[in-house]
Protein backbone atom coordinates (compact mmCIF):
# COMPACT_ATOMS: atom_id res chain seq x y z
CA MET A 1 -18.02 -12.89 19.94
CA THR A 2 -17.74 -9.64 21.89
CA GLN A 3 -14.74 -7.32 21.85
CA ALA A 4 -13.55 -8.89 25.12
CA THR A 5 -13.34 -12.37 23.58
CA LEU A 6 -11.68 -11.45 20.29
CA HIS A 7 -8.56 -13.26 19.14
CA PRO A 8 -5.43 -11.22 20.08
CA MET A 9 -4.36 -10.94 16.42
CA LEU A 10 -7.82 -9.67 15.48
CA ASN A 11 -7.61 -7.08 18.26
CA VAL A 12 -4.33 -5.78 16.81
CA ALA A 13 -5.92 -5.60 13.34
CA ILE A 14 -8.86 -3.63 14.76
CA LYS A 15 -6.46 -1.22 16.48
CA ALA A 16 -4.61 -0.74 13.17
CA ALA A 17 -7.84 -0.24 11.20
CA ARG A 18 -9.14 2.38 13.66
CA ALA A 19 -5.81 4.26 13.56
CA ALA A 20 -5.99 4.34 9.76
CA GLY A 21 -9.65 5.43 9.96
CA SER A 22 -8.67 8.41 12.13
CA ILE A 23 -6.15 9.56 9.52
CA ILE A 24 -8.75 9.17 6.77
CA ASN A 25 -11.46 11.05 8.71
CA ARG A 26 -9.12 13.95 9.49
CA ALA A 27 -8.04 14.20 5.86
CA SER A 28 -11.68 14.12 4.67
CA LEU A 29 -12.20 17.51 6.32
CA ASP A 30 -9.53 19.11 4.09
CA LEU A 31 -9.92 17.48 0.68
CA ASP A 32 -8.91 20.75 -1.04
CA ILE A 33 -5.30 20.40 0.11
CA LEU A 34 -5.07 16.69 -0.73
CA LYS A 35 -2.13 15.64 -2.90
CA ILE A 36 -3.28 13.18 -5.55
CA ASN A 37 -1.05 11.09 -7.79
CA THR A 38 -2.17 9.00 -10.76
CA LYS A 39 -0.97 5.37 -10.85
CA ALA A 40 -2.66 4.85 -14.21
CA PRO A 41 -5.60 6.45 -16.03
CA ASN A 42 -8.58 6.46 -13.60
CA ASP A 43 -6.40 4.87 -10.90
CA PHE A 44 -5.41 7.20 -8.08
CA VAL A 45 -3.33 7.15 -4.91
CA THR A 46 -3.26 9.91 -2.32
CA GLU A 47 -0.97 10.82 0.55
CA VAL A 48 -3.83 9.59 2.75
CA ASP A 49 -3.62 6.06 1.28
CA GLN A 50 0.10 6.08 2.04
CA ALA A 51 -0.20 7.53 5.57
CA ALA A 52 -3.00 5.10 6.46
CA GLU A 53 -0.97 2.16 5.12
CA ALA A 54 2.09 3.27 7.10
CA VAL A 55 0.20 3.40 10.42
CA ILE A 56 -1.39 -0.01 9.75
CA ILE A 57 1.98 -1.63 8.99
CA GLU A 58 3.63 0.06 11.99
CA THR A 59 0.86 -1.18 14.33
CA LEU A 60 0.96 -4.75 12.99
CA LEU A 61 4.74 -5.12 12.95
CA GLN A 62 5.07 -3.58 16.41
CA ALA A 63 2.95 -6.46 17.70
CA TYR A 64 4.20 -9.14 15.27
CA PRO A 65 7.61 -8.17 13.85
CA ASP A 66 8.15 -11.61 12.30
CA HIS A 67 4.99 -11.49 10.15
CA GLY A 68 4.87 -10.80 6.41
CA ILE A 69 3.03 -7.93 4.74
CA LEU A 70 1.25 -7.61 1.37
CA ALA A 71 -0.06 -4.06 1.01
CA GLU A 72 -1.58 -2.25 -1.94
CA GLU A 73 0.74 0.77 -2.03
CA SER A 74 4.02 -0.77 -0.83
CA GLY A 75 3.69 -4.39 -1.97
CA ARG A 76 6.06 -6.59 0.10
CA ALA A 77 8.50 -3.89 1.12
CA HIS A 78 7.84 -4.48 4.84
CA GLY A 79 7.85 -7.38 7.28
CA ALA A 80 9.28 -10.88 6.96
CA LYS A 81 9.14 -12.12 3.37
CA HIS A 82 8.86 -15.84 4.17
CA SER A 83 6.71 -15.89 7.31
CA GLU A 84 3.82 -18.38 7.62
CA TYR A 85 1.75 -15.32 8.62
CA GLN A 86 0.90 -12.65 6.08
CA TRP A 87 -1.14 -9.49 6.57
CA ILE A 88 -3.03 -8.39 3.44
CA ILE A 89 -3.85 -4.69 3.56
CA ASP A 90 -5.88 -2.14 1.60
CA PRO A 91 -5.49 1.11 3.56
CA LEU A 92 -8.23 2.97 1.65
CA ASP A 93 -10.55 0.94 -0.56
CA GLY A 94 -12.58 3.48 -2.53
CA THR A 95 -9.95 6.17 -3.14
CA THR A 96 -11.89 7.79 -5.99
CA ASN A 97 -14.97 8.12 -3.75
CA PHE A 98 -12.78 9.60 -1.02
CA ILE A 99 -11.23 12.17 -3.38
CA HIS A 100 -14.72 13.35 -4.34
CA GLY A 101 -16.04 13.45 -0.78
CA LEU A 102 -18.43 10.56 -1.41
CA PRO A 103 -18.55 8.74 1.96
CA MET A 104 -18.23 5.17 0.70
CA TYR A 105 -14.76 3.82 1.44
CA ALA A 106 -13.11 1.53 3.97
CA VAL A 107 -9.93 0.11 5.49
CA SER A 108 -9.42 -3.62 4.82
CA ILE A 109 -7.02 -5.84 6.79
CA ALA A 110 -6.77 -9.65 6.71
CA LEU A 111 -4.34 -12.14 8.23
CA ALA A 112 -3.50 -15.37 6.43
CA HIS A 113 -1.67 -18.25 8.12
CA ARG A 114 -0.12 -20.80 5.76
CA ASN A 115 -2.17 -19.25 2.93
CA VAL A 116 -5.53 -19.53 4.73
CA VAL A 117 -7.23 -16.32 5.86
CA GLN A 118 -7.86 -16.54 9.61
CA GLN A 119 -8.71 -12.98 10.69
CA ALA A 120 -10.50 -10.15 8.87
CA VAL A 121 -11.37 -6.53 9.59
CA VAL A 122 -13.12 -4.01 7.36
CA TYR A 123 -13.61 -0.59 8.96
CA ASP A 124 -15.91 2.11 7.55
CA PRO A 125 -14.62 5.31 9.15
CA THR A 126 -17.48 7.56 8.01
CA ARG A 127 -20.08 5.42 9.82
CA ASN A 128 -17.76 4.01 12.51
CA ASP A 129 -18.87 0.56 11.35
CA LEU A 130 -16.49 -2.27 12.22
CA PHE A 131 -16.92 -5.57 10.35
CA TYR A 132 -14.75 -8.41 11.68
CA ALA A 133 -14.44 -12.18 11.49
CA THR A 134 -12.31 -15.01 12.82
CA LYS A 135 -12.26 -18.29 10.90
CA GLY A 136 -14.73 -20.70 12.47
CA ARG A 137 -16.16 -18.11 14.87
CA GLY A 138 -18.56 -16.13 12.70
CA ALA A 139 -18.70 -12.63 11.23
CA PHE A 140 -19.86 -9.51 13.05
CA LEU A 141 -20.79 -5.87 12.51
CA ASN A 142 -19.90 -4.04 15.72
CA ASP A 143 -21.34 -6.60 18.20
CA ARG A 144 -24.07 -8.01 15.94
CA ARG A 145 -23.66 -11.45 14.35
CA LEU A 146 -23.97 -11.37 10.57
CA ARG A 147 -25.90 -13.79 8.36
CA VAL A 148 -26.39 -13.67 4.61
CA SER A 149 -29.89 -12.98 3.33
CA LYS A 150 -32.60 -15.62 3.09
CA ARG A 151 -33.93 -14.56 -0.31
CA THR A 152 -34.12 -17.39 -2.80
CA ARG A 153 -35.29 -15.80 -6.09
CA MET A 154 -33.14 -13.73 -8.43
CA SER A 155 -36.17 -11.56 -9.20
CA ASP A 156 -36.15 -10.41 -5.54
CA ALA A 157 -32.37 -10.01 -5.27
CA LEU A 158 -30.39 -6.80 -4.82
CA ILE A 159 -26.96 -7.36 -6.35
CA GLY A 160 -23.76 -5.34 -5.99
CA THR A 161 -21.12 -4.97 -8.68
CA GLY A 162 -18.10 -2.93 -9.73
CA PHE A 163 -17.57 -1.38 -13.15
CA PRO A 164 -14.36 -1.87 -15.15
CA PHE A 165 -12.41 1.39 -15.28
CA ARG A 166 -8.92 0.70 -16.63
CA ARG A 167 -7.65 0.82 -20.19
CA GLY A 168 -7.55 -2.73 -21.48
CA ASP A 169 -10.59 -3.86 -19.49
CA ASN A 170 -13.23 -5.64 -21.56
CA PHE A 171 -16.06 -3.11 -21.37
CA LYS A 172 -18.23 -4.78 -24.02
CA ARG A 173 -18.10 -8.10 -22.20
CA TYR A 174 -19.04 -6.37 -18.94
CA MET A 175 -21.99 -4.52 -20.52
CA LYS A 176 -23.41 -7.82 -21.75
CA MET A 177 -23.12 -9.29 -18.24
CA PHE A 178 -24.59 -6.13 -16.73
CA GLU A 179 -27.58 -6.20 -19.09
CA GLU A 180 -28.30 -9.86 -18.42
CA VAL A 181 -28.04 -9.61 -14.62
CA MET A 182 -30.00 -6.34 -14.55
CA GLN A 183 -32.98 -7.91 -16.30
CA GLN A 184 -33.10 -10.87 -13.89
CA CYS A 185 -32.73 -9.13 -10.50
CA ALA A 186 -34.57 -6.49 -8.46
CA GLY A 187 -31.72 -4.00 -8.67
CA LEU A 188 -28.00 -3.46 -9.24
CA ARG A 189 -25.75 -1.22 -7.12
CA ARG A 190 -22.19 0.07 -7.63
CA PRO A 191 -20.98 2.13 -4.61
CA GLY A 192 -17.28 1.77 -5.47
CA ALA A 193 -15.54 -0.01 -2.59
CA ALA A 194 -15.33 -3.78 -3.03
CA ALA A 195 -14.29 -4.49 0.58
CA LEU A 196 -17.51 -2.86 1.82
CA ASP A 197 -19.57 -4.52 -0.92
CA LEU A 198 -18.48 -7.96 0.31
CA CYS A 199 -19.33 -7.04 3.90
CA TYR A 200 -22.76 -5.93 2.69
CA VAL A 201 -23.31 -9.41 1.28
CA ALA A 202 -22.31 -10.90 4.65
CA ALA A 203 -24.74 -8.54 6.40
CA GLY A 204 -27.58 -9.44 4.02
CA TYR A 205 -27.89 -5.91 2.57
CA TYR A 206 -27.03 -7.36 -0.83
CA ASP A 207 -28.07 -10.84 -1.85
CA ALA A 208 -24.98 -11.21 -4.06
CA PHE A 209 -22.01 -9.39 -5.58
CA PHE A 210 -19.85 -9.84 -8.69
CA GLU A 211 -16.82 -8.06 -10.14
CA THR A 212 -13.79 -8.60 -12.36
CA GLY A 213 -10.21 -7.42 -11.97
CA LEU A 214 -9.97 -7.40 -8.17
CA SER A 215 -6.69 -7.81 -6.26
CA PRO A 216 -5.93 -9.72 -3.03
CA TRP A 217 -6.20 -6.66 -0.80
CA ASP A 218 -9.68 -5.86 -2.16
CA VAL A 219 -11.24 -9.17 -1.14
CA ALA A 220 -9.07 -10.93 1.46
CA ALA A 221 -11.06 -9.67 4.44
CA GLY A 222 -14.50 -9.46 2.82
CA SER A 223 -14.47 -13.01 1.46
CA LEU A 224 -13.91 -14.43 4.97
CA MET A 225 -16.82 -12.30 6.25
CA ILE A 226 -19.08 -13.92 3.67
CA THR A 227 -18.12 -17.54 4.34
CA GLU A 228 -18.37 -16.92 8.10
CA ALA A 229 -21.85 -15.45 7.55
CA GLY A 230 -22.99 -18.60 5.71
CA GLY A 231 -22.45 -17.37 2.17
CA LEU A 232 -20.51 -18.68 -0.82
CA VAL A 233 -17.58 -17.20 -2.75
CA GLY A 234 -16.15 -18.38 -6.07
CA ASN A 235 -15.30 -17.43 -9.63
CA PHE A 236 -17.84 -17.06 -12.45
CA THR A 237 -18.05 -20.83 -12.92
CA GLY A 238 -18.53 -21.43 -9.20
CA GLU A 239 -15.03 -22.82 -8.60
CA SER A 240 -12.87 -21.84 -5.65
CA ASP A 241 -10.09 -20.22 -7.64
CA PHE A 242 -11.80 -16.83 -7.88
CA LEU A 243 -8.82 -14.49 -7.67
CA HIS A 244 -6.43 -16.48 -9.78
CA GLN A 245 -8.68 -15.43 -12.65
CA ARG A 246 -9.46 -11.99 -11.21
CA GLU A 247 -13.20 -12.53 -11.08
CA ILE A 248 -15.44 -13.02 -8.07
CA VAL A 249 -19.03 -13.96 -7.30
CA ALA A 250 -20.33 -13.97 -3.73
CA GLY A 251 -23.77 -14.36 -2.24
CA SER A 252 -26.30 -16.21 -0.19
CA PRO A 253 -26.26 -19.87 -1.30
CA LYS A 254 -29.45 -19.83 -3.43
CA ILE A 255 -28.76 -16.52 -5.20
CA TYR A 256 -25.08 -17.38 -5.63
CA GLY A 257 -26.03 -20.54 -7.53
CA GLN A 258 -28.38 -18.67 -9.85
CA LEU A 259 -25.89 -15.84 -10.46
CA VAL A 260 -23.13 -18.32 -11.34
CA GLN A 261 -25.43 -19.77 -14.02
CA VAL A 262 -25.83 -16.29 -15.54
CA LEU A 263 -22.13 -15.37 -15.34
CA ALA A 264 -20.52 -18.69 -16.31
CA PRO A 265 -20.53 -17.92 -20.07
CA TYR A 266 -18.54 -14.73 -19.36
CA THR A 267 -15.76 -16.39 -17.36
CA ARG A 268 -12.11 -15.74 -18.17
CA VAL A 269 -10.98 -18.94 -16.46
CA ILE A 270 -8.01 -20.60 -18.14
CA LYS A 271 -7.59 -24.24 -17.25
CA THR A 272 -4.30 -25.34 -15.72
CA GLU A 273 -2.99 -26.99 -18.87
CA ASP A 274 -3.52 -23.75 -20.81
CA GLU A 275 -1.96 -21.38 -18.29
CA SER A 276 1.48 -21.42 -19.87
CA ALA A 277 -0.02 -20.53 -23.24
CA ALA A 278 -2.08 -17.50 -22.25
CA GLU A 279 -3.16 -15.19 -19.47
CA PRO A 280 -6.67 -13.95 -18.64
CA GLU A 281 -7.59 -10.64 -20.19
CA ALA A 282 -6.76 -7.58 -18.03
CA ALA A 283 -4.65 -9.73 -15.70
CA LYS A 284 -1.36 -7.91 -16.16
CA PRO A 285 0.88 -8.59 -13.14
CA ALA A 286 1.72 -5.74 -10.79
CA PRO A 287 5.01 -5.57 -8.89
CA ASP A 288 5.13 -7.19 -5.49
CA ALA A 289 1.68 -8.74 -5.51
CA GLY A 290 2.64 -12.39 -5.83
CA ASP A 291 0.04 -13.97 -3.56
CA VAL A 292 -3.52 -14.19 -4.77
CA LEU A 293 -6.45 -15.46 -2.77
CA ALA A 294 -8.66 -18.38 -3.58
CA ALA A 295 -11.69 -19.18 -1.43
CA GLN A 296 -13.42 -22.54 -1.33
CA ALA A 297 -16.92 -22.09 -2.75
CA LYS A 298 -18.75 -23.62 0.20
CA PRO A 299 -19.82 -22.22 3.58
CA ARG A 300 -17.02 -21.82 6.16
CA ALA A 301 -14.44 -23.16 3.73
CA PRO A 302 -10.94 -21.74 4.18
CA VAL A 303 -10.08 -18.62 2.23
CA ARG A 304 -6.76 -19.48 0.60
CA ILE A 305 -3.96 -17.61 -1.09
CA LYS A 306 -2.39 -18.84 -4.32
CA LYS A 307 1.00 -18.00 -5.78
CA THR A 308 0.38 -15.86 -8.84
CA SER A 309 0.35 -12.22 -9.89
CA ALA A 310 -2.33 -9.61 -9.33
CA GLY A 311 -3.05 -6.24 -10.85
CA ASP A 312 -4.08 -2.89 -9.44
CA SER A 313 -6.76 -2.38 -6.85
CA SER A 314 -10.27 -2.01 -8.11
CA SER A 315 -11.33 0.34 -5.34
CA HIS A 316 -12.30 3.12 -7.69
């Protein structure tokens, strides 16, 4: 799928992502004058996040004024609230890296139609790397088709993760998971931008990835990349409802299956009949983030959105 044959909606998303990337690259040259606000302890937003989000929304709504928007910084304040089409946007995934000048961050844009993700773009402005996918048409990095890795043994696997960083996160539970996975794989990595991490699974750089506490805008685009590259996405017990419980596992099919076996005891999944009685730990709802993704845990399955609440971005 070359640039000339891309779906028109994907082309608009790419245009929006590149415009945001230009803002981010310019700002990266003058980090000293950056205005930084704190959303919560260890959770930051900058004027760059907001400017990048504004240019993305402006570009998308100029082309599709009747579409809905779900964006990290502005929630649902823009677009049509009840459209069958919804753009899910993280204007700068990896804000903490960006603030420190660590060049590991990305723009993430996905389009869902009737709650199924159809188009996905993740743009890495520091490397000018463009990851993109259309449902049923494969995933690509620039013009190269992506496939997940062929490794089959956990002992050979390189696995990505993200650390908990908010007050209220279950650090002890995570350290137990971390210790168990670390001893079974070839190496663990934590660059700090989940959207890129998921693309790295699709590209075969990682054999798998796992994290807790992610929001729709962190994984909407990346999860489609993985399924379109032949990988699997699910929650810690291997079920499709990975974001309803704010936990995600992704990987090549063989490594995914083995990692699910390791992580299943640590799941926070609450069965449907128990949902009214309790909520998963660290799943406090955030304003205006009512749609949460769920991806079918099988290759090329639709990436779906569920009606529930999501917390802050885990792009730190």
